[in-house]
Amino acid sequence: MLGLVCCECKHRLYADPPQGSPRGCWESQPAAYSLDRRPCFVYTLMWDDFRIRSLHPADSAEDARSPLNRNDAQSTRPLDESW
């Protein structure tokens, strides 16, 4: 499945929420290749007792991070090193 979270995993998240702190990361190696040989990468969401892996094409416009993390990254400004 391409995309963020399948219906079964989404149901599991709502019906029986995972335990522990959520973590997420991109896996360093391509997990698959598209028909035109472009790499597809995996973003993993992890808790202590549950893991979701989602496959994303290299040119995907989807941001796998949660909206909170995405907003934090956009609002972070580089340090002013001019002084």
Protein backbone atom coordinates (compact mmCIF):
# COMPACT_ATOMS: atom_id res chain seq x y z
CA MET A 1 0.00 0.00 0.00
CA LEU A 2 1.25 3.47 -0.85
CA GLY A 3 0.35 6.27 1.52
CA LEU A 4 0.37 7.08 5.16
CA VAL A 5 -1.81 4.64 7.14
CA CYS A 6 -4.00 1.77 5.97
CA CYS A 7 -7.59 1.44 7.24
CA GLU A 8 -6.75 -1.50 9.53
CA CYS A 9 -3.86 0.34 11.21
CA LYS A 10 -5.95 3.49 11.56
CA HIS A 11 -8.70 1.45 13.23
CA ARG A 12 -6.13 -0.09 15.59
CA LEU A 13 -4.88 3.39 16.53
CA TYR A 14 -8.39 4.51 17.52
CA ALA A 15 -9.77 1.26 18.97
CA ASP A 16 -6.71 0.14 20.96
CA PRO A 17 -4.19 3.01 21.15
CA PRO A 18 -0.54 1.95 21.31
CA GLN A 19 1.44 2.29 24.53
CA GLY A 20 4.58 4.40 24.97
CA SER A 21 5.93 7.52 23.36
CA PRO A 22 5.48 7.85 19.60
CA ARG A 23 8.61 8.01 17.46
CA GLY A 24 9.11 8.26 13.75
CA CYS A 25 11.94 8.00 11.26
CA TRP A 26 12.75 7.47 7.60
CA GLU A 27 14.46 4.14 6.88
CA SER A 28 17.76 4.75 5.13
CA GLN A 29 17.48 2.21 2.30
CA PRO A 30 14.82 2.12 -0.42
CA ALA A 31 12.23 -0.56 0.30
CA ALA A 32 11.04 -0.84 -3.28
CA TYR A 33 11.37 0.73 -6.69
CA SER A 34 8.70 2.15 -8.96
CA LEU A 35 8.14 0.81 -12.47
CA ASP A 36 10.40 3.59 -13.79
CA ARG A 37 13.12 2.52 -11.29
CA ARG A 38 12.73 5.41 -8.88
CA PRO A 39 13.29 4.51 -5.21
CA CYS A 40 10.44 4.34 -2.72
CA PHE A 41 11.28 4.96 0.91
CA VAL A 42 9.63 3.84 4.14
CA TYR A 43 8.57 6.10 7.00
CA THR A 44 8.13 4.21 10.28
CA LEU A 45 5.91 5.31 13.16
CA MET A 46 6.80 3.38 16.33
CA TRP A 47 5.44 2.91 19.81
CA ASP A 48 6.51 0.38 22.44
CA ASP A 49 3.93 -2.17 21.25
CA PHE A 50 3.00 -1.14 17.71
CA ARG A 51 4.71 -0.12 14.47
CA ILE A 52 3.40 1.29 11.20
CA ARG A 53 5.55 1.33 8.07
CA SER A 54 4.36 3.40 5.11
CA LEU A 55 5.84 3.36 1.62
CA HIS A 56 6.42 6.69 -0.16
CA PRO A 57 7.64 7.33 -3.70
CA ALA A 58 10.67 9.60 -3.98
CA ASP A 59 8.61 12.41 -5.54
CA SER A 60 5.74 12.10 -3.05
CA ALA A 61 4.21 15.36 -1.88
CA GLU A 62 2.95 13.69 1.31
CA ASP A 63 4.63 14.74 4.55
CA ALA A 64 4.65 11.68 6.82
CA ARG A 65 5.18 13.68 9.98
CA SER A 66 2.28 14.60 12.22
CA PRO A 67 0.76 18.06 11.67
CA LEU A 68 2.26 19.22 14.98
CA ASN A 69 5.82 18.24 13.96
CA ARG A 70 5.29 19.64 10.47
CA ASN A 71 4.16 23.00 11.88
CA ASP A 72 7.10 23.11 14.30
CA ALA A 73 9.56 22.51 11.46
CA GLN A 74 8.00 25.29 9.38
CA SER A 75 8.04 27.78 12.24
CA THR A 76 11.67 27.11 13.18
CA ARG A 77 13.87 29.91 11.91
CA PRO A 78 17.61 29.64 11.36
CA LEU A 79 19.81 31.31 13.93
CA ASP A 80 20.90 34.84 13.14
CA GLU A 81 24.66 34.59 12.82
CA SER A 82 25.18 38.13 11.57
CA TRP A 83 26.24 39.58 14.91
